Amino acid sequence: MNDWKIFTQNADRELKAKTIFHSFVQQKQYQISKVLDDRILVDRLSGGETAGFKKHEVMNALEILKAQKTVRKDSLLGSVIREVMLVHLHPFVEWDEKSQELFWKPDSTRMAINKVEDLIVQASDDQLEKIQALVLVRRHQNIFRKSLMKLYHNKCAISGCDIDEILQAAHITKYSASGINSNNNGIILRSDLHGLFDNNLLAIQPSGLVVRLHPKLKKSEYWKYEGCRISDRTDKSFIDIKYLNERWIAADWVN
């Protein structure tokens, strides 16, 4: 699958989901308004004219990034908004807040996609449906994590840990049950805290947004997080209260 196809498929999915994206530094908000065969249009929710960028512009920018590996922002597509969308919509384009640079990071993901595409060629109809579903979930999950990482300052919302390799996008209402992959249903957690959360040993109290821990953890190192408040988001948005309430009820030990 070529880069433009990856880009437009993700854009079309986020258009349908009405996803709100955020800029790198000033946290301005954007939303995709139209996906065409040769261009994508993005509305500036904070005010201003609709931004657009064409297929050849995106492809040229990606070729430069692939060749140079790292490029300063504003150097590829001529404006922050267009480069923000490049990061959000292509799984191999990353943004480094410290260096203020965009970089190309295919790593093992490209190999994984190639293997999946090889399997697709040989798959039966039933296998093909399962493979395609898994690929779509993985790509969407990558966008979900990128968006949440920006909202939580690239840190765990509970511990403040900023080690990228162990930070994960956690769903409040489990994705496997709800299919809800939007910012208001997510939080960034360190991998071990994510495990506690998924196993209902850690809960977030809807009133006050404070952490509650299962009594069995009272003598563990995790007890230091009991009663602490999760960190604020960069854009001052909140997790949807209905998702927090659903998860709070599931942790029946706190009721």
Protein backbone atom coordinates (compact mmCIF):
# COMPACT_ATOMS: atom_id res chain seq x y z
CA MET A 1 0.00 0.00 0.00
CA ASN A 2 1.50 3.37 -0.99
CA ASP A 3 1.88 6.32 1.37
CA TRP A 4 -0.96 8.36 -0.10
CA LYS A 5 -3.37 5.43 0.31
CA ILE A 6 -2.35 5.03 3.94
CA PHE A 7 -2.75 8.76 4.44
CA THR A 8 -6.22 9.02 2.85
CA GLN A 9 -7.59 5.89 4.51
CA ASN A 10 -6.64 7.20 7.93
CA ALA A 11 -8.01 10.64 7.02
CA ASP A 12 -11.32 9.15 5.90
CA ARG A 13 -11.60 7.18 9.14
CA GLU A 14 -10.91 10.25 11.27
CA LEU A 15 -13.37 12.29 9.22
CA LYS A 16 -16.12 9.79 10.00
CA ALA A 17 -15.10 9.74 13.68
CA LYS A 18 -15.11 13.57 13.78
CA THR A 19 -11.72 13.45 15.51
CA ILE A 20 -10.27 16.73 16.78
CA PHE A 21 -6.50 17.06 16.31
CA HIS A 22 -4.10 19.37 18.14
CA SER A 23 -1.08 21.32 16.91
CA PHE A 24 2.43 20.70 18.20
CA VAL A 25 3.01 23.68 20.47
CA GLN A 26 0.08 26.08 20.71
CA GLN A 27 -2.53 23.31 20.97
CA LYS A 28 -4.78 24.77 18.28
CA GLN A 29 -7.56 22.45 17.17
CA TYR A 30 -8.16 21.05 13.69
CA GLN A 31 -10.69 18.73 12.10
CA ILE A 32 -10.76 17.05 8.70
CA SER A 33 -13.61 18.41 6.57
CA LYS A 34 -13.20 16.54 3.28
CA VAL A 35 -11.14 13.69 1.82
CA LEU A 36 -10.80 13.70 -1.96
CA ASP A 37 -8.81 11.52 -4.35
CA ASP A 38 -6.08 14.12 -4.78
CA ARG A 39 -6.30 16.33 -1.68
CA ILE A 40 -7.45 16.64 1.93
CA LEU A 41 -9.13 19.68 3.51
CA VAL A 42 -8.80 20.57 7.20
CA ASP A 43 -10.84 23.13 9.18
CA ARG A 44 -9.20 25.34 11.79
CA LEU A 45 -11.58 25.07 14.77
CA SER A 46 -9.80 27.95 16.50
CA GLY A 47 -10.65 30.23 13.56
CA GLY A 48 -9.20 30.93 10.14
CA GLU A 49 -9.46 29.61 6.61
CA THR A 50 -9.66 25.94 5.72
CA ALA A 51 -6.24 24.43 4.98
CA GLY A 52 -5.70 22.06 2.10
CA PHE A 53 -2.88 19.94 0.81
CA LYS A 54 -2.58 17.88 -2.34
CA LYS A 55 -1.36 14.37 -3.07
CA HIS A 56 1.83 15.48 -4.83
CA GLU A 57 2.71 17.80 -1.91
CA VAL A 58 2.37 15.00 0.62
CA MET A 59 4.29 12.51 -1.50
CA ASN A 60 7.14 14.99 -2.11
CA ALA A 61 7.31 15.79 1.61
CA LEU A 62 7.49 12.11 2.51
CA GLU A 63 10.27 11.48 0.00
CA ILE A 64 12.31 14.30 1.56
CA LEU A 65 11.67 12.96 5.05
CA LYS A 66 12.60 9.40 4.04
CA ALA A 67 15.86 10.63 2.51
CA GLN A 68 16.86 12.95 5.36
CA LYS A 69 15.27 10.96 8.23
CA THR A 70 14.86 14.14 10.30
CA VAL A 71 13.51 17.55 9.25
CA ARG A 72 12.76 20.74 11.18
CA LYS A 73 9.07 21.61 11.41
CA ASP A 74 7.71 24.04 8.80
CA SER A 75 10.28 22.67 6.33
CA LEU A 76 8.19 20.02 4.56
CA LEU A 77 4.73 21.37 3.74
CA GLY A 78 5.14 25.05 4.48
CA SER A 79 2.76 25.33 7.44
CA VAL A 80 2.28 23.87 10.91
CA ILE A 81 -1.26 22.65 10.29
CA ARG A 82 -0.30 20.54 7.28
CA GLU A 83 2.66 18.99 9.05
CA VAL A 84 0.51 18.31 12.12
CA MET A 85 -1.85 16.30 9.93
CA LEU A 86 1.10 14.49 8.34
CA VAL A 87 2.13 13.30 11.81
CA HIS A 88 -1.41 12.36 12.83
CA LEU A 89 -2.29 10.48 9.67
CA HIS A 90 0.88 8.60 8.72
CA PRO A 91 2.04 5.89 11.17
CA PHE A 92 5.74 6.31 10.33
CA VAL A 93 5.95 10.10 10.77
CA GLU A 94 6.78 11.15 14.33
CA TRP A 95 7.18 14.48 16.11
CA ASP A 96 9.90 15.13 18.67
CA GLU A 97 8.88 17.94 21.00
CA LYS A 98 12.37 18.50 22.44
CA SER A 99 14.17 18.93 19.11
CA GLN A 100 11.13 20.45 17.33
CA GLU A 101 11.67 18.02 14.46
CA LEU A 102 9.73 15.59 12.33
CA PHE A 103 11.34 12.23 11.72
CA TRP A 104 10.71 9.07 9.72
CA LYS A 105 10.41 5.96 11.90
CA PRO A 106 9.37 2.86 9.98
CA ASP A 107 11.24 0.45 12.32
CA SER A 108 9.68 -3.00 12.58
CA THR A 109 6.18 -1.81 11.70
CA ARG A 110 6.95 -1.67 7.97
CA MET A 111 8.19 -5.25 8.11
CA ALA A 112 5.03 -6.30 9.93
CA ILE A 113 2.81 -4.65 7.31
CA ASN A 114 4.75 -6.32 4.50
CA LYS A 115 4.25 -9.70 6.17
CA VAL A 116 0.52 -9.03 6.54
CA GLU A 117 0.28 -8.06 2.87
CA ASP A 118 2.01 -11.33 1.93
CA LEU A 119 -0.50 -13.22 4.05
CA ILE A 120 -3.39 -11.39 2.41
CA VAL A 121 -2.34 -12.66 -1.02
CA GLN A 122 -2.53 -16.26 0.20
CA ALA A 123 -5.47 -15.95 2.61
CA SER A 124 -8.93 -17.47 2.30
CA ASP A 125 -11.96 -15.17 2.45
CA ASP A 126 -12.52 -15.88 6.16
CA GLN A 127 -8.85 -15.33 7.01
CA LEU A 128 -8.77 -12.17 4.90
CA GLU A 129 -11.60 -10.58 6.88
CA LYS A 130 -9.80 -11.27 10.17
CA ILE A 131 -6.45 -9.94 8.89
CA GLN A 132 -7.99 -6.76 7.51
CA ALA A 133 -9.83 -6.12 10.78
CA LEU A 134 -6.60 -6.49 12.79
CA VAL A 135 -4.67 -4.15 10.48
CA LEU A 136 -7.36 -1.46 10.75
CA VAL A 137 -7.40 -1.68 14.55
CA ARG A 138 -3.58 -1.40 14.73
CA ARG A 139 -3.44 1.66 12.49
CA HIS A 140 -6.25 3.38 14.35
CA GLN A 141 -4.63 2.56 17.70
CA ASN A 142 -1.42 4.27 16.59
CA ILE A 143 -3.33 7.49 15.81
CA PHE A 144 -5.19 7.18 19.13
CA ARG A 145 -1.91 6.98 21.06
CA LYS A 146 -0.30 9.89 19.19
CA SER A 147 -3.24 12.14 19.94
CA LEU A 148 -3.38 11.20 23.63
CA MET A 149 0.39 11.58 24.06
CA LYS A 150 0.09 15.22 23.01
CA LEU A 151 -2.82 15.78 25.38
CA TYR A 152 -0.90 14.37 28.35
CA HIS A 153 2.44 16.13 27.74
CA ASN A 154 3.99 12.82 26.56
CA LYS A 155 3.79 11.58 30.15
CA CYS A 156 1.86 9.05 32.20
CA ALA A 157 -1.19 10.84 33.62
CA ILE A 158 -0.64 9.22 37.03
CA SER A 159 3.10 8.72 37.59
CA GLY A 160 4.48 11.48 35.36
CA CYS A 161 6.82 8.96 33.70
CA ASP A 162 8.08 10.25 30.33
CA ILE A 163 9.81 7.12 28.98
CA ASP A 164 8.13 6.74 25.61
CA GLU A 165 8.75 2.99 25.29
CA ILE A 166 6.64 2.12 28.34
CA LEU A 167 3.79 4.60 27.85
CA GLN A 168 0.53 3.21 26.52
CA ALA A 169 -2.84 4.56 25.41
CA ALA A 170 -5.42 3.08 27.77
CA HIS A 171 -9.14 2.99 27.02
CA ILE A 172 -11.50 3.95 29.84
CA THR A 173 -14.35 1.87 28.43
CA LYS A 174 -12.61 -1.13 26.90
CA TYR A 175 -12.26 -0.88 23.12
CA SER A 176 -13.01 -4.58 22.64
CA ALA A 177 -16.47 -4.01 24.11
CA SER A 178 -17.27 -0.49 22.94
CA GLY A 179 -15.27 0.12 19.75
CA ILE A 180 -14.80 3.71 20.99
CA ASN A 181 -11.32 4.92 20.00
CA SER A 182 -11.64 8.66 20.66
CA ASN A 183 -9.72 11.05 22.91
CA ASN A 184 -12.56 11.35 25.44
CA ASN A 185 -12.30 7.59 26.06
CA GLY A 186 -8.56 7.45 26.67
CA ILE A 187 -5.65 8.25 28.94
CA ILE A 188 -1.86 7.74 28.80
CA LEU A 189 -0.57 5.31 31.43
CA ARG A 190 2.72 3.63 32.21
CA SER A 191 2.50 -0.01 31.12
CA ASP A 192 2.33 -1.48 34.64
CA LEU A 193 -0.34 1.02 35.73
CA HIS A 194 -2.23 0.24 32.53
CA GLY A 195 -2.21 -3.43 33.57
CA LEU A 196 -3.60 -2.57 37.00
CA PHE A 197 -6.27 -0.41 35.39
CA ASP A 198 -7.34 -3.10 32.92
CA ASN A 199 -7.59 -5.61 35.75
CA ASN A 200 -9.69 -3.24 37.90
CA LEU A 201 -7.03 -2.99 40.59
CA LEU A 202 -6.70 0.72 39.87
CA ALA A 203 -9.68 3.01 39.34
CA ILE A 204 -10.24 6.70 38.57
CA GLN A 205 -12.92 8.30 40.70
CA PRO A 206 -15.21 10.38 38.45
CA SER A 207 -15.61 13.07 41.09
CA GLY A 208 -12.26 14.77 41.48
CA LEU A 209 -10.44 12.50 38.98
CA VAL A 210 -8.42 10.90 41.76
CA VAL A 211 -6.76 7.49 41.72
CA ARG A 212 -8.12 4.70 43.91
CA LEU A 213 -6.26 1.44 44.46
CA HIS A 214 -7.54 -1.99 45.45
CA PRO A 215 -6.90 -2.73 49.16
CA LYS A 216 -4.66 -5.69 48.21
CA LEU A 217 -2.13 -3.12 46.90
CA LYS A 218 -1.89 -1.32 50.24
CA LYS A 219 1.55 -2.73 51.04
CA SER A 220 2.87 -2.39 47.52
CA GLU A 221 4.93 0.36 45.89
CA TYR A 222 1.80 1.46 44.04
CA TRP A 223 0.05 2.73 47.15
CA LYS A 224 1.85 6.06 46.81
CA TYR A 225 -0.58 6.84 43.99
CA GLU A 226 -3.67 6.32 46.17
CA GLY A 227 -5.65 9.57 46.23
CA CYS A 228 -3.49 11.44 43.72
CA ARG A 229 -5.22 13.37 40.94
CA ILE A 230 -4.57 12.53 37.29
CA SER A 231 -2.78 15.23 35.35
CA ASP A 232 -4.62 17.87 33.33
CA ARG A 233 -4.70 17.73 29.55
CA THR A 234 -2.86 20.33 27.51
CA ASP A 235 -6.09 21.58 25.91
CA LYS A 236 -8.08 21.52 29.19
CA SER A 237 -10.45 18.87 27.82
CA PHE A 238 -11.69 15.97 29.97
CA ILE A 239 -12.42 12.28 29.76
CA ASP A 240 -16.14 11.76 29.13
CA ILE A 241 -17.84 11.37 32.53
CA LYS A 242 -20.09 8.57 31.27
CA TYR A 243 -17.05 6.41 30.47
CA LEU A 244 -15.52 7.14 33.87
CA ASN A 245 -18.80 6.23 35.58
CA GLU A 246 -19.05 2.95 33.67
CA ARG A 247 -15.51 1.99 34.64
CA TRP A 248 -16.00 3.10 38.24
CA ILE A 249 -19.02 0.81 38.59
CA ALA A 250 -16.98 -2.08 37.14
CA ALA A 251 -14.50 -1.69 40.02
CA ASP A 252 -17.07 -3.02 42.51
CA TRP A 253 -14.60 -2.95 45.42
CA VAL A 254 -14.81 0.87 45.59
CA ASN A 255 -18.63 0.98 45.94
